[in-house]
PDB file of N, CA and C in Angstrom:
ATOM      1  N   MET A   1      85.817 150.409 140.681  1.00  0.00           N
ATOM      2  CA  MET A   1      85.816 148.992 140.343  1.00  0.00           C
ATOM      3  C   MET A   1      86.127 148.183 141.601  1.00  0.00           C
ATOM      4  N   ASN A   2      85.404 147.103 141.752  1.00  0.00           N
ATOM      5  CA  ASN A   2      85.580 146.217 142.896  1.00  0.00           C
ATOM      6  C   ASN A   2      86.510 145.066 142.559  1.00  0.00           C
ATOM      7  N   GLY A   3      87.104 144.472 143.597  1.00  0.00           N
ATOM      8  CA  GLY A   3      87.990 143.337 143.415  1.00  0.00           C
ATOM      9  C   GLY A   3      87.233 142.027 143.546  1.00  0.00           C
ATOM     10  N   TYR A   4      87.612 141.047 142.732  1.00  0.00           N
ATOM     11  CA  TYR A   4      86.950 139.742 142.726  1.00  0.00           C
ATOM     12  C   TYR A   4      87.976 138.620 142.626  1.00  0.00           C
ATOM     13  N   GLU A   5      87.558 137.465 143.122  1.00  0.00           N
ATOM     14  CA  GLU A   5      88.341 136.242 143.002  1.00  0.00           C
ATOM     15  C   GLU A   5      87.476 135.249 142.237  1.00  0.00           C
ATOM     16  N   GLY A   6      88.018 134.694 141.176  1.00  0.00           N
ATOM     17  CA  GLY A   6      87.264 133.742 140.364  1.00  0.00           C
ATOM     18  C   GLY A   6      87.966 132.404 140.301  1.00  0.00           C
ATOM     19  N   MET A   7      87.226 131.338 140.576  1.00  0.00           N
ATOM     20  CA  MET A   7      87.748 129.982 140.436  1.00  0.00           C
ATOM     21  C   MET A   7      86.949 129.333 139.306  1.00  0.00           C
ATOM     22  N   PHE A   8      87.655 128.903 138.286  1.00  0.00           N
ATOM     23  CA  PHE A   8      87.014 128.332 137.108  1.00  0.00           C
ATOM     24  C   PHE A   8      87.471 126.883 136.963  1.00  0.00           C
ATOM     25  N   VAL A   9      86.524 125.960 136.869  1.00  0.00           N
ATOM     26  CA  VAL A   9      86.837 124.546 136.663  1.00  0.00           C
ATOM     27  C   VAL A   9      86.587 124.254 135.187  1.00  0.00           C
ATOM     28  N   LEU A  10      87.651 123.861 134.499  1.00  0.00           N
ATOM     29  CA  LEU A  10      87.600 123.670 133.055  1.00  0.00           C
ATOM     30  C   LEU A  10      87.724 122.202 132.699  1.00  0.00           C
ATOM     31  N   ASP A  11      87.240 121.858 131.523  1.00  0.00           N
ATOM     32  CA  ASP A  11      87.325 120.491 131.007  1.00  0.00           C
ATOM     33  C   ASP A  11      88.794 120.081 130.930  1.00  0.00           C
ATOM     34  N   ALA A  12      89.159 119.020 131.637  1.00  0.00           N
ATOM     35  CA  ALA A  12      90.561 118.590 131.718  1.00  0.00           C
ATOM     36  C   ALA A  12      91.111 118.156 130.363  1.00  0.00           C
ATOM     37  N   THR A  13      90.290 117.526 129.540  1.00  0.00           N
ATOM     38  CA  THR A  13      90.742 117.077 128.224  1.00  0.00           C
ATOM     39  C   THR A  13      91.074 118.271 127.333  1.00  0.00           C
ATOM     40  N   ALA A  14      90.192 119.254 127.320  1.00  0.00           N
ATOM     41  CA  ALA A  14      90.428 120.447 126.506  1.00  0.00           C
ATOM     42  C   ALA A  14      91.628 121.234 127.036  1.00  0.00           C
ATOM     43  N   ALA A  15      91.780 121.287 128.354  1.00  0.00           N
ATOM     44  CA  ALA A  15      92.896 122.025 128.950  1.00  0.00           C
ATOM     45  C   ALA A  15      94.226 121.357 128.638  1.00  0.00           C
ATOM     46  N   ALA A  16      94.249 120.033 128.592  1.00  0.00           N
ATOM     47  CA  ALA A  16      95.490 119.316 128.286  1.00  0.00           C
ATOM     48  C   ALA A  16      95.924 119.570 126.843  1.00  0.00           C
ATOM     49  N   LYS A  17      94.963 119.720 125.943  1.00  0.00           N
ATOM     50  CA  LYS A  17      95.285 119.922 124.526  1.00  0.00           C
ATOM     51  C   LYS A  17      95.661 121.373 124.216  1.00  0.00           C
ATOM     52  N   GLU A  18      94.867 122.320 124.725  1.00  0.00           N
ATOM     53  CA  GLU A  18      95.038 123.726 124.351  1.00  0.00           C
ATOM     54  C   GLU A  18      94.903 124.633 125.565  1.00  0.00           C
ATOM     55  N   TRP A  19      95.807 124.519 126.542  1.00  0.00           N
ATOM     56  CA  TRP A  19      95.690 125.297 127.772  1.00  0.00           C
ATOM     57  C   TRP A  19      95.753 126.805 127.510  1.00  0.00           C
ATOM     58  N   ASN A  20      96.718 127.249 126.740  1.00  0.00           N
ATOM     59  CA  ASN A  20      96.883 128.689 126.515  1.00  0.00           C
ATOM     60  C   ASN A  20      95.656 129.308 125.859  1.00  0.00           C
ATOM     61  N   LYS A  21      95.090 128.605 124.899  1.00  0.00           N
ATOM     62  CA  LYS A  21      93.892 129.102 124.210  1.00  0.00           C
ATOM     63  C   LYS A  21      92.704 129.144 125.170  1.00  0.00           C
ATOM     64  N   LEU A  22      92.563 128.110 125.991  1.00  0.00           N
ATOM     65  CA  LEU A  22      91.454 128.026 126.937  1.00  0.00           C
ATOM     66  C   LEU A  22      91.585 129.089 128.028  1.00  0.00           C
ATOM     67  N   GLN A  23      92.794 129.269 128.533  1.00  0.00           N
ATOM     68  CA  GLN A  23      93.028 130.291 129.547  1.00  0.00           C
ATOM     69  C   GLN A  23      92.730 131.682 128.985  1.00  0.00           C
ATOM     70  N   ALA A  24      93.176 131.946 127.771  1.00  0.00           N
ATOM     71  CA  ALA A  24      92.924 133.239 127.139  1.00  0.00           C
ATOM     72  C   ALA A  24      91.420 133.472 126.949  1.00  0.00           C
ATOM     73  N   ALA A  25      90.681 132.418 126.622  1.00  0.00           N
ATOM     74  CA  ALA A  25      89.236 132.551 126.435  1.00  0.00           C
ATOM     75  C   ALA A  25      88.539 132.899 127.753  1.00  0.00           C
ATOM     76  N   VAL A  26      88.936 132.229 128.834  1.00  0.00           N
ATOM     77  CA  VAL A  26      88.305 132.481 130.135  1.00  0.00           C
ATOM     78  C   VAL A  26      88.644 133.890 130.624  1.00  0.00           C
ATOM     79  N   LEU A  27      89.905 134.257 130.564  1.00  0.00           N
ATOM     80  CA  LEU A  27      90.304 135.596 131.006  1.00  0.00           C
ATOM     81  C   LEU A  27      89.751 136.667 130.064  1.00  0.00           C
ATOM     82  N   GLY A  28      89.536 136.300 128.807  1.00  0.00           N
ATOM     83  CA  GLY A  28      88.933 137.213 127.840  1.00  0.00           C
ATOM     84  C   GLY A  28      87.491 137.550 128.171  1.00  0.00           C
ATOM     85  N   ILE A  29      86.793 136.618 128.815  1.00  0.00           N
ATOM     86  CA  ILE A  29      85.414 136.884 129.236  1.00  0.00           C
ATOM     87  C   ILE A  29      85.404 138.049 130.224  1.00  0.00           C
ATOM     88  N   VAL A  30      86.365 138.046 131.144  1.00  0.00           N
ATOM     89  CA  VAL A  30      86.442 139.113 132.153  1.00  0.00           C
ATOM     90  C   VAL A  30      86.786 140.447 131.493  1.00  0.00           C
ATOM     91  N   THR A  31      87.795 140.451 130.647  1.00  0.00           N
ATOM     92  CA  THR A  31      88.224 141.701 130.028  1.00  0.00           C
ATOM     93  C   THR A  31      87.195 142.241 129.029  1.00  0.00           C
ATOM     94  N   LYS A  32      86.436 141.343 128.430  1.00  0.00           N
ATOM     95  CA  LYS A  32      85.397 141.748 127.468  1.00  0.00           C
ATOM     96  C   LYS A  32      84.338 142.629 128.121  1.00  0.00           C
ATOM     97  N   HIS A  33      84.102 142.405 129.408  1.00  0.00           N
ATOM     98  CA  HIS A  33      83.067 143.164 130.123  1.00  0.00           C
ATOM     99  C   HIS A  33      83.660 144.260 131.011  1.00  0.00           C
ATOM    100  N   GLY A  34      84.863 144.721 130.678  1.00  0.00           N
ATOM    101  CA  GLY A  34      85.450 145.857 131.373  1.00  0.00           C
ATOM    102  C   GLY A  34      86.306 145.503 132.571  1.00  0.00           C
ATOM    103  N   GLY A  35      86.592 144.228 132.775  1.00  0.00           N
ATOM    104  CA  GLY A  35      87.414 143.807 133.905  1.00  0.00           C
ATOM    105  C   GLY A  35      88.894 143.883 133.576  1.00  0.00           C
ATOM    106  N   GLU A  36      89.698 143.878 134.620  1.00  0.00           N
ATOM    107  CA  GLU A  36      91.146 143.902 134.464  1.00  0.00           C
ATOM    108  C   GLU A  36      91.740 142.778 135.304  1.00  0.00           C
ATOM    109  N   ILE A  37      92.488 141.878 134.672  1.00  0.00           N
ATOM    110  CA  ILE A  37      93.095 140.744 135.359  1.00  0.00           C
ATOM    111  C   ILE A  37      94.306 141.231 136.146  1.00  0.00           C
ATOM    112  N   LYS A  38      94.335 140.929 137.444  1.00  0.00           N
ATOM    113  CA  LYS A  38      95.481 141.280 138.290  1.00  0.00           C
ATOM    114  C   LYS A  38      96.486 140.136 138.342  1.00  0.00           C
ATOM    115  N   SER A  39      95.987 138.908 138.465  1.00  0.00           N
ATOM    116  CA  SER A  39      96.856 137.729 138.442  1.00  0.00           C
ATOM    117  C   SER A  39      95.997 136.495 138.186  1.00  0.00           C
ATOM    118  N   SER A  40      96.642 135.469 137.674  1.00  0.00           N
ATOM    119  CA  SER A  40      95.944 134.200 137.444  1.00  0.00           C
ATOM    120  C   SER A  40      96.950 133.067 137.560  1.00  0.00           C
ATOM    121  N   ALA A  41      96.450 131.890 137.902  1.00  0.00           N
ATOM    122  CA  ALA A  41      97.328 130.731 138.052  1.00  0.00           C
ATOM    123  C   ALA A  41      96.555 129.461 137.744  1.00  0.00           C
ATOM    124  N   ARG A  42      97.246 128.537 137.113  1.00  0.00           N
ATOM    125  CA  ARG A  42      96.677 127.218 136.853  1.00  0.00           C
ATOM    126  C   ARG A  42      96.906 126.366 138.099  1.00  0.00           C
ATOM    127  N   TRP A  43      95.831 125.826 138.657  1.00  0.00           N
ATOM    128  CA  TRP A  43      95.947 124.995 139.851  1.00  0.00           C
ATOM    129  C   TRP A  43      96.061 123.522 139.505  1.00  0.00           C
ATOM    130  N   GLY A  44      96.031 123.212 138.254  1.00  0.00           N
ATOM    131  CA  GLY A  44      96.267 121.837 137.840  1.00  0.00           C
ATOM    132  C   GLY A  44      95.007 121.008 137.664  1.00  0.00           C
ATOM    133  N   ASP A  45      95.238 119.766 137.264  1.00  0.00           N
ATOM    134  CA  ASP A  45      94.185 118.804 136.964  1.00  0.00           C
ATOM    135  C   ASP A  45      93.862 118.024 138.237  1.00  0.00           C
ATOM    136  N   ARG A  46      92.587 117.962 138.590  1.00  0.00           N
ATOM    137  CA  ARG A  46      92.171 117.279 139.814  1.00  0.00           C
ATOM    138  C   ARG A  46      90.935 116.423 139.570  1.00  0.00           C
ATOM    139  N   LYS A  47      90.811 115.389 140.377  1.00  0.00           N
ATOM    140  CA  LYS A  47      89.620 114.545 140.340  1.00  0.00           C
ATOM    141  C   LYS A  47      88.500 115.298 141.037  1.00  0.00           C
ATOM    142  N   LEU A  48      87.325 115.330 140.402  1.00  0.00           N
ATOM    143  CA  LEU A  48      86.178 116.003 140.993  1.00  0.00           C
ATOM    144  C   LEU A  48      85.546 115.111 142.056  1.00  0.00           C
ATOM    145  N   ALA A  49      84.927 115.701 143.048  1.00  0.00           N
ATOM    146  CA  ALA A  49      84.289 114.944 144.126  1.00  0.00           C
ATOM    147  C   ALA A  49      83.132 114.092 143.590  1.00  0.00           C
ATOM    148  N   TYR A  50      82.495 114.560 142.541  1.00  0.00           N
ATOM    149  CA  TYR A  50      81.401 113.826 141.905  1.00  0.00           C
ATOM    150  C   TYR A  50      81.367 114.222 140.431  1.00  0.00           C
ATOM    151  N   ASP A  51      80.755 113.384 139.616  1.00  0.00           N
ATOM    152  CA  ASP A  51      80.662 113.667 138.180  1.00  0.00           C
ATOM    153  C   ASP A  51      79.804 114.919 137.944  1.00  0.00           C
ATOM    154  N   ILE A  52      80.295 115.780 137.084  1.00  0.00           N
ATOM    155  CA  ILE A  52      79.535 116.973 136.695  1.00  0.00           C
ATOM    156  C   ILE A  52      79.387 116.919 135.186  1.00  0.00           C
ATOM    157  N   HIS A  53      78.178 116.690 134.731  1.00  0.00           N
ATOM    158  CA  HIS A  53      77.890 116.580 133.291  1.00  0.00           C
ATOM    159  C   HIS A  53      78.820 115.578 132.615  1.00  0.00           C
ATOM    160  N   GLY A  54      79.099 114.463 133.278  1.00  0.00           N
ATOM    161  CA  GLY A  54      79.929 113.409 132.711  1.00  0.00           C
ATOM    162  C   GLY A  54      81.426 113.614 132.888  1.00  0.00           C
ATOM    163  N   HIS A  55      81.838 114.705 133.487  1.00  0.00           N
ATOM    164  CA  HIS A  55      83.264 114.975 133.709  1.00  0.00           C
ATOM    165  C   HIS A  55      83.681 114.418 135.063  1.00  0.00           C
ATOM    166  N   LYS A  56      84.774 113.660 135.077  1.00  0.00           N
ATOM    167  CA  LYS A  56      85.307 113.119 136.322  1.00  0.00           C
ATOM    168  C   LYS A  56      86.506 113.915 136.820  1.00  0.00           C
ATOM    169  N   ARG A  57      87.148 114.662 135.928  1.00  0.00           N
ATOM    170  CA  ARG A  57      88.316 115.479 136.270  1.00  0.00           C
ATOM    171  C   ARG A  57      88.118 116.892 135.737  1.00  0.00           C
ATOM    172  N   GLY A  58      88.781 117.836 136.386  1.00  0.00           N
ATOM    173  CA  GLY A  58      88.719 119.219 135.942  1.00  0.00           C
ATOM    174  C   GLY A  58      90.049 119.907 136.168  1.00  0.00           C
ATOM    175  N   THR A  59      90.324 120.905 135.369  1.00  0.00           N
ATOM    176  CA  THR A  59      91.526 121.724 135.529  1.00  0.00           C
ATOM    177  C   THR A  59      91.086 123.061 136.095  1.00  0.00           C
ATOM    178  N   TYR A  60      91.717 123.462 137.190  1.00  0.00           N
ATOM    179  CA  TYR A  60      91.324 124.655 137.909  1.00  0.00           C
ATOM    180  C   TYR A  60      92.148 125.865 137.474  1.00  0.00           C
ATOM    181  N   LEU A  61      91.471 126.993 137.325  1.00  0.00           N
ATOM    182  CA  LEU A  61      92.120 128.263 137.023  1.00  0.00           C
ATOM    183  C   LEU A  61      91.641 129.272 138.060  1.00  0.00           C
ATOM    184  N   LEU A  62      92.588 129.839 138.802  1.00  0.00           N
ATOM    185  CA  LEU A  62      92.280 130.857 139.795  1.00  0.00           C
ATOM    186  C   LEU A  62      92.665 132.209 139.219  1.00  0.00           C
ATOM    187  N   ALA A  63      91.765 133.189 139.312  1.00  0.00           N
ATOM    188  CA  ALA A  63      92.039 134.521 138.774  1.00  0.00           C
ATOM    189  C   ALA A  63      91.576 135.581 139.762  1.00  0.00           C
ATOM    190  N   TYR A  64      92.393 136.600 139.931  1.00  0.00           N
ATOM    191  CA  TYR A  64      92.031 137.782 140.702  1.00  0.00           C
ATOM    192  C   TYR A  64      91.864 138.921 139.702  1.00  0.00           C
ATOM    193  N   PHE A  65      90.754 139.629 139.799  1.00  0.00           N
ATOM    194  CA  PHE A  65      90.485 140.688 138.831  1.00  0.00           C
ATOM    195  C   PHE A  65      89.632 141.787 139.443  1.00  0.00           C
ATOM    196  N   THR A  66      89.632 142.929 138.786  1.00  0.00           N
ATOM    197  CA  THR A  66      88.730 144.018 139.141  1.00  0.00           C
ATOM    198  C   THR A  66      87.736 144.175 137.998  1.00  0.00           C
ATOM    199  N   ALA A  67      86.532 144.572 138.356  1.00  0.00           N
ATOM    200  CA  ALA A  67      85.485 144.749 137.342  1.00  0.00           C
ATOM    201  C   ALA A  67      84.394 145.651 137.905  1.00  0.00           C
ATOM    202  N   PRO A  68      83.676 146.342 137.025  1.00  0.00           N
ATOM    203  CA  PRO A  68      82.519 147.118 137.490  1.00  0.00           C
ATOM    204  C   PRO A  68      81.443 146.167 138.035  1.00  0.00           C
ATOM    205  N   ILE A  69      80.671 146.640 138.983  1.00  0.00           N
ATOM    206  CA  ILE A  69      79.642 145.798 139.607  1.00  0.00           C
ATOM    207  C   ILE A  69      78.670 145.242 138.568  1.00  0.00           C
ATOM    208  N   GLY A  70      78.264 146.040 137.610  1.00  0.00           N
ATOM    209  CA  GLY A  70      77.308 145.616 136.596  1.00  0.00           C
ATOM    210  C   GLY A  70      77.841 144.564 135.636  1.00  0.00           C
ATOM    211  N   ALA A  71      79.153 144.342 135.636  1.00  0.00           N
ATOM    212  CA  ALA A  71      79.754 143.377 134.714  1.00  0.00           C
ATOM    213  C   ALA A  71      79.642 141.937 135.207  1.00  0.00           C
ATOM    214  N   ILE A  72      79.472 141.734 136.503  1.00  0.00           N
ATOM    215  CA  ILE A  72      79.491 140.375 137.063  1.00  0.00           C
ATOM    216  C   ILE A  72      78.366 139.498 136.508  1.00  0.00           C
ATOM    217  N   PRO A  73      77.117 139.965 136.418  1.00  0.00           N
ATOM    218  CA  PRO A  73      76.084 139.105 135.803  1.00  0.00           C
ATOM    219  C   PRO A  73      76.405 138.736 134.350  1.00  0.00           C
ATOM    220  N   LYS A  74      77.021 139.652 133.616  1.00  0.00           N
ATOM    221  CA  LYS A  74      77.396 139.371 132.225  1.00  0.00           C
ATOM    222  C   LYS A  74      78.524 138.351 132.152  1.00  0.00           C
ATOM    223  N   ILE A  75      79.480 138.461 133.077  1.00  0.00           N
ATOM    224  CA  ILE A  75      80.582 137.487 133.131  1.00  0.00           C
ATOM    225  C   ILE A  75      80.035 136.110 133.464  1.00  0.00           C
ATOM    226  N   ARG A  76      79.125 136.046 134.432  1.00  0.00           N
ATOM    227  CA  ARG A  76      78.520 134.753 134.809  1.00  0.00           C
ATOM    228  C   ARG A  76      77.755 134.144 133.640  1.00  0.00           C
ATOM    229  N   ARG A  77      77.032 134.964 132.915  1.00  0.00           N
ATOM    230  CA  ARG A  77      76.273 134.452 131.762  1.00  0.00           C
ATOM    231  C   ARG A  77      77.208 133.867 130.710  1.00  0.00           C
ATOM    232  N   ASP A  78      78.288 134.567 130.409  1.00  0.00           N
ATOM    233  CA  ASP A  78      79.245 134.052 129.433  1.00  0.00           C
ATOM    234  C   ASP A  78      79.924 132.775 129.929  1.00  0.00           C
ATOM    235  N   CYS A  79      80.166 132.681 131.229  1.00  0.00           N
ATOM    236  CA  CYS A  79      80.753 131.449 131.790  1.00  0.00           C
ATOM    237  C   CYS A  79      79.807 130.265 131.603  1.00  0.00           C
ATOM    238  N   GLU A  80      78.517 130.496 131.800  1.00  0.00           N
ATOM    239  CA  GLU A  80      77.527 129.434 131.629  1.00  0.00           C
ATOM    240  C   GLU A  80      77.420 128.981 130.179  1.00  0.00           C
ATOM    241  N   LEU A  81      77.708 129.875 129.244  1.00  0.00           N
ATOM    242  CA  LEU A  81      77.607 129.547 127.828  1.00  0.00           C
ATOM    243  C   LEU A  81      78.895 128.955 127.249  1.00  0.00           C
ATOM    244  N   THR A  82      79.966 128.945 128.015  1.00  0.00           N
ATOM    245  CA  THR A  82      81.236 128.398 127.554  1.00  0.00           C
ATOM    246  C   THR A  82      81.234 126.884 127.741  1.00  0.00           C
ATOM    247  N   GLU A  83      81.341 126.141 126.656  1.00  0.00           N
ATOM    248  CA  GLU A  83      81.229 124.682 126.708  1.00  0.00           C
ATOM    249  C   GLU A  83      82.332 124.018 127.515  1.00  0.00           C
ATOM    250  N   SER A  84      83.531 124.543 127.471  1.00  0.00           N
ATOM    251  CA  SER A  84      84.648 123.904 128.155  1.00  0.00           C
ATOM    252  C   SER A  84      84.712 124.243 129.643  1.00  0.00           C
ATOM    253  N   MET A  85      83.801 125.080 130.128  1.00  0.00           N
ATOM    254  CA  MET A  85      83.773 125.430 131.548  1.00  0.00           C
ATOM    255  C   MET A  85      82.761 124.542 132.263  1.00  0.00           C
ATOM    256  N   ILE A  86      83.248 123.792 133.251  1.00  0.00           N
ATOM    257  CA  ILE A  86      82.387 122.870 133.995  1.00  0.00           C
ATOM    258  C   ILE A  86      81.652 123.610 135.108  1.00  0.00           C
ATOM    259  N   ARG A  87      82.388 124.396 135.886  1.00  0.00           N
ATOM    260  CA  ARG A  87      81.831 125.176 136.989  1.00  0.00           C
ATOM    261  C   ARG A  87      82.651 126.449 137.152  1.00  0.00           C
ATOM    262  N   TYR A  88      82.078 127.413 137.853  1.00  0.00           N
ATOM    263  CA  TYR A  88      82.801 128.643 138.169  1.00  0.00           C
ATOM    264  C   TYR A  88      82.256 129.198 139.470  1.00  0.00           C
ATOM    265  N   LEU A  89      83.067 129.980 140.144  1.00  0.00           N
ATOM    266  CA  LEU A  89      82.649 130.664 141.360  1.00  0.00           C
ATOM    267  C   LEU A  89      83.351 132.012 141.367  1.00  0.00           C
ATOM    268  N   ILE A  90      82.573 133.077 141.494  1.00  0.00           N
ATOM    269  CA  ILE A  90      83.123 134.424 141.546  1.00  0.00           C
ATOM    270  C   ILE A  90      82.716 135.041 142.876  1.00  0.00           C
ATOM    271  N   LEU A  91      83.713 135.460 143.652  1.00  0.00           N
ATOM    272  CA  LEU A  91      83.475 136.047 144.964  1.00  0.00           C
ATOM    273  C   LEU A  91      84.009 137.465 145.008  1.00  0.00           C
ATOM    274  N   ALA A  92      83.246 138.362 145.660  1.00  0.00           N
ATOM    275  CA  ALA A  92      83.743 139.721 145.889  1.00  0.00           C
ATOM    276  C   ALA A  92      84.846 139.631 146.931  1.00  0.00           C
ATOM    277  N   ARG A  93      85.886 140.421 146.746  1.00  0.00           N
ATOM    278  CA  ARG A  93      87.039 140.364 147.652  1.00  0.00           C
ATOM    279  C   ARG A  93      87.343 141.775 148.144  1.00  0.00           C
ATOM    280  N   GLU A  94      87.436 141.910 149.455  1.00  0.00           N
ATOM    281  CA  GLU A  94      87.758 143.201 150.049  1.00  0.00           C
ATOM    282  C   GLU A  94      89.262 143.326 150.223  1.00  0.00           C
ATOM    283  N   GLY A  95      89.749 144.538 150.246  1.00  0.00           N
ATOM    284  CA  GLY A  95      91.175 144.773 150.442  1.00  0.00           C
ATOM    285  C   GLY A  95      91.936 144.645 149.136  1.00  0.00           C
ATOM    286  N   THR A  96      93.246 144.510 149.265  1.00  0.00           N
ATOM    287  CA  THR A  96      94.087 144.411 148.077  1.00  0.00           C
ATOM    288  C   THR A  96      94.046 143.008 147.498  1.00  0.00           C
ATOM    289  N   LEU A  97      94.184 142.919 146.199  1.00  0.00           N
ATOM    290  CA  LEU A  97      94.189 141.633 145.520  1.00  0.00           C
ATOM    291  C   LEU A  97      95.603 141.061 145.507  1.00  0.00           C
ATOM    292  N   PRO A  98      95.759 139.746 145.710  1.00  0.00           N
ATOM    293  CA  PRO A  98      97.090 139.139 145.653  1.00  0.00           C
ATOM    294  C   PRO A  98      97.698 139.296 144.258  1.00  0.00           C
ATOM    295  N   VAL A  99      98.978 139.574 144.234  1.00  0.00           N
ATOM    296  CA  VAL A  99      99.669 139.734 142.958  1.00  0.00           C
ATOM    297  C   VAL A  99     100.098 138.381 142.418  1.00  0.00           C
ATOM    298  N   ALA A 100     100.526 137.478 143.287  1.00  0.00           N
ATOM    299  CA  ALA A 100     101.017 136.163 142.856  1.00  0.00           C
ATOM    300  C   ALA A 100     100.045 135.080 143.305  1.00  0.00           C
ATOM    301  N   ALA A 101      99.110 134.740 142.423  1.00  0.00           N
ATOM    302  CA  ALA A 101      98.134 133.701 142.753  1.00  0.00           C
ATOM    303  C   ALA A 101      98.790 132.329 142.840  1.00  0.00           C
ATOM    304  N   ALA A 102      99.887 132.124 142.118  1.00  0.00           N
ATOM    305  CA  ALA A 102     100.544 130.824 142.094  1.00  0.00           C
ATOM    306  C   ALA A 102     101.127 130.451 143.444  1.00  0.00           C
ATOM    307  N   ALA A 103     101.398 131.426 144.295  1.00  0.00           N
ATOM    308  CA  ALA A 103     101.984 131.140 145.601  1.00  0.00           C
ATOM    309  C   ALA A 103     100.999 130.407 146.502  1.00  0.00           C
ATOM    310  N   GLN A 104      99.711 130.451 146.165  1.00  0.00           N
ATOM    311  CA  GLN A 104      98.710 129.805 146.988  1.00  0.00           C
ATOM    312  C   GLN A 104      98.385 128.390 146.523  1.00  0.00           C
ATOM    313  N   PHE A 105      99.136 127.885 145.556  1.00  0.00           N
ATOM    314  CA  PHE A 105      98.882 126.556 145.013  1.00  0.00           C
ATOM    315  C   PHE A 105      99.065 125.497 146.088  1.00  0.00           C
ATOM    316  N   VAL A 106      98.099 124.594 146.191  1.00  0.00           N
ATOM    317  CA  VAL A 106      98.177 123.489 147.141  1.00  0.00           C
ATOM    318  C   VAL A 106      98.287 122.206 146.345  1.00  0.00           C
ATOM    319  N   GLU A 107      99.311 121.425 146.620  1.00  0.00           N
ATOM    320  CA  GLU A 107      99.528 120.188 145.873  1.00  0.00           C
ATOM    321  C   GLU A 107      98.463 119.159 146.223  1.00  0.00           C
ATOM    322  N   GLU A 108      98.010 118.425 145.224  1.00  0.00           N
ATOM    323  CA  GLU A 108      96.987 117.401 145.411  1.00  0.00           C
ATOM    324  C   GLU A 108      97.559 116.258 146.246  1.00  0.00           C
ATOM    325  N   PRO A 109      96.830 115.795 147.278  1.00  0.00           N
ATOM    326  CA  PRO A 109      97.340 114.694 148.085  1.00  0.00           C
ATOM    327  C   PRO A 109      97.455 113.410 147.270  1.00  0.00           C
ATOM    328  N   ARG A 110      98.460 112.646 147.553  1.00  0.00           N
ATOM    329  CA  ARG A 110      98.704 111.396 146.844  1.00  0.00           C
ATOM    330  C   ARG A 110      98.234 110.216 147.685  1.00  0.00           C
ATOM    331  N   TYR A 111      97.735 109.200 147.032  1.00  0.00           N
ATOM    332  CA  TYR A 111      97.297 107.987 147.703  1.00  0.00           C
ATOM    333  C   TYR A 111      98.490 107.052 147.822  1.00  0.00           C
ATOM    334  N   ASP A 112      98.801 106.628 149.023  1.00  0.00           N
ATOM    335  CA  ASP A 112      99.934 105.744 149.264  1.00  0.00           C
ATOM    336  C   ASP A 112      99.396 104.339 149.514  1.00  0.00           C
ATOM    337  N   ARG A 113      99.525 103.476 148.514  1.00  0.00           N
ATOM    338  CA  ARG A 113      98.936 102.138 148.591  1.00  0.00           C
ATOM    339  C   ARG A 113      99.544 101.305 149.708  1.00  0.00           C
ATOM    340  N   ASP A 114     100.814 101.484 149.991  1.00  0.00           N
ATOM    341  CA  ASP A 114     101.445 100.705 151.052  1.00  0.00           C
ATOM    342  C   ASP A 114     100.902 101.040 152.428  1.00  0.00           C
ATOM    343  N   ARG A 115     100.375 102.227 152.587  1.00  0.00           N
ATOM    344  CA  ARG A 115      99.837 102.613 153.891  1.00  0.00           C
ATOM    345  C   ARG A 115      98.312 102.605 153.891  1.00  0.00           C
ATOM    346  N   GLY A 116      97.707 102.054 152.877  1.00  0.00           N
ATOM    347  CA  GLY A 116      96.253 101.961 152.838  1.00  0.00           C
ATOM    348  C   GLY A 116      95.566 103.295 152.611  1.00  0.00           C
ATOM    349  N   GLY A 117      96.310 104.315 152.208  1.00  0.00           N
ATOM    350  CA  GLY A 117      95.725 105.611 151.935  1.00  0.00           C
ATOM    351  C   GLY A 117      95.370 106.398 153.177  1.00  0.00           C
ATOM    352  N   ARG A 118      95.602 105.823 154.359  1.00  0.00           N
ATOM    353  CA  ARG A 118      95.227 106.495 155.592  1.00  0.00           C
ATOM    354  C   ARG A 118      96.401 107.199 156.250  1.00  0.00           C
ATOM    355  N   GLY A 119      97.585 106.970 155.760  1.00  0.00           N
ATOM    356  CA  GLY A 119      98.744 107.623 156.329  1.00  0.00           C
ATOM    357  C   GLY A 119      99.243 106.961 157.591  1.00  0.00           C
ATOM    358  N   GLY A 120      98.593 105.920 158.020  1.00  0.00           N
ATOM    359  CA  GLY A 120      98.998 105.219 159.248  1.00  0.00           C
ATOM    360  C   GLY A 120     100.122 104.242 158.962  1.00  0.00           C
ATOM    361  N   GLY A 121     100.433 103.452 159.921  1.00  0.00           N
ATOM    362  CA  GLY A 121     101.552 102.524 159.772  1.00  0.00           C
ATOM    363  C   GLY A 121     101.127 101.152 159.303  1.00  0.00           C
ATOM    364  N   GLY A 122     101.523 100.805 158.132  1.00  0.00           N
ATOM    365  CA  GLY A 122     101.540  99.427 157.666  1.00  0.00           C
ATOM    366  C   GLY A 122     100.279  98.710 157.327  1.00  0.00           C
ATOM    367  N   GLY A 123      99.286  98.690 158.167  1.00  0.00           N
ATOM    368  CA  GLY A 123      98.092  97.909 157.876  1.00  0.00           C
ATOM    369  C   GLY A 123      98.376  96.423 157.946  1.00  0.00           C
ATOM    370  N   ARG A 124      97.844  95.647 157.020  1.00  0.00           N
ATOM    371  CA  ARG A 124      98.009  94.205 157.098  1.00  0.00           C
ATOM    372  C   ARG A 124      99.406  93.743 156.711  1.00  0.00           C
ATOM    373  N   TYR A 125     100.214  94.592 156.096  1.00  0.00           N
ATOM    374  CA  TYR A 125     101.570  94.212 155.724  1.00  0.00           C
ATOM    375  C   TYR A 125     102.599  94.631 156.774  1.00  0.00           C
ATOM    376  N   ARG A 126     102.142  95.132 157.867  1.00  0.00           N
ATOM    377  CA  ARG A 126     103.022  95.630 158.915  1.00  0.00           C
ATOM    378  C   ARG A 126     103.833  94.493 159.543  1.00  0.00           C
ATOM    379  N   ASP A 127     105.091  94.772 159.814  1.00  0.00           N
ATOM    380  CA  ASP A 127     105.946  93.785 160.469  1.00  0.00           C
ATOM    381  C   ASP A 127     105.594  93.728 161.952  1.00  0.00           C
ATOM    382  N   ARG A 128     105.049  92.624 162.387  1.00  0.00           N
ATOM    383  CA  ARG A 128     104.592  92.506 163.761  1.00  0.00           C
ATOM    384  C   ARG A 128     105.641  91.874 164.663  1.00  0.00           C
ATOM    385  N   GLY A 129     106.821  91.594 164.111  1.00  0.00           N
ATOM    386  CA  GLY A 129     107.972  90.968 164.705  1.00  0.00           C
ATOM    387  C   GLY A 129     108.120  90.994 166.115  1.00  0.00           C
TER     388      GLY A 129
END
């Protein structure tokens, strides 16, 4: 069995209401086709770079798993048929799989209105004293 990394973008509204059920459904797709989940982590709700099928936000789920090579096309097909899944990406991974996926969580950058969102100093409200 080969190691894989899967990033699943899920409907943010559905994830907010029933996260545990949605997570179990996504991870169940992998196990249904002979895969074994090594670790998974919720990366949180994020604004998408562009609208995807009318969705402006998505909740990310990162999963590391092992699966037979022949199972990947079946997993992809089931992902495409899952209504609450906006996008997915499955990559083959060499070497050992990370045990703690949550340690790789990156916090979403915040927009600071006082600094104009650029992180610089002050802008038009700057004290020019």
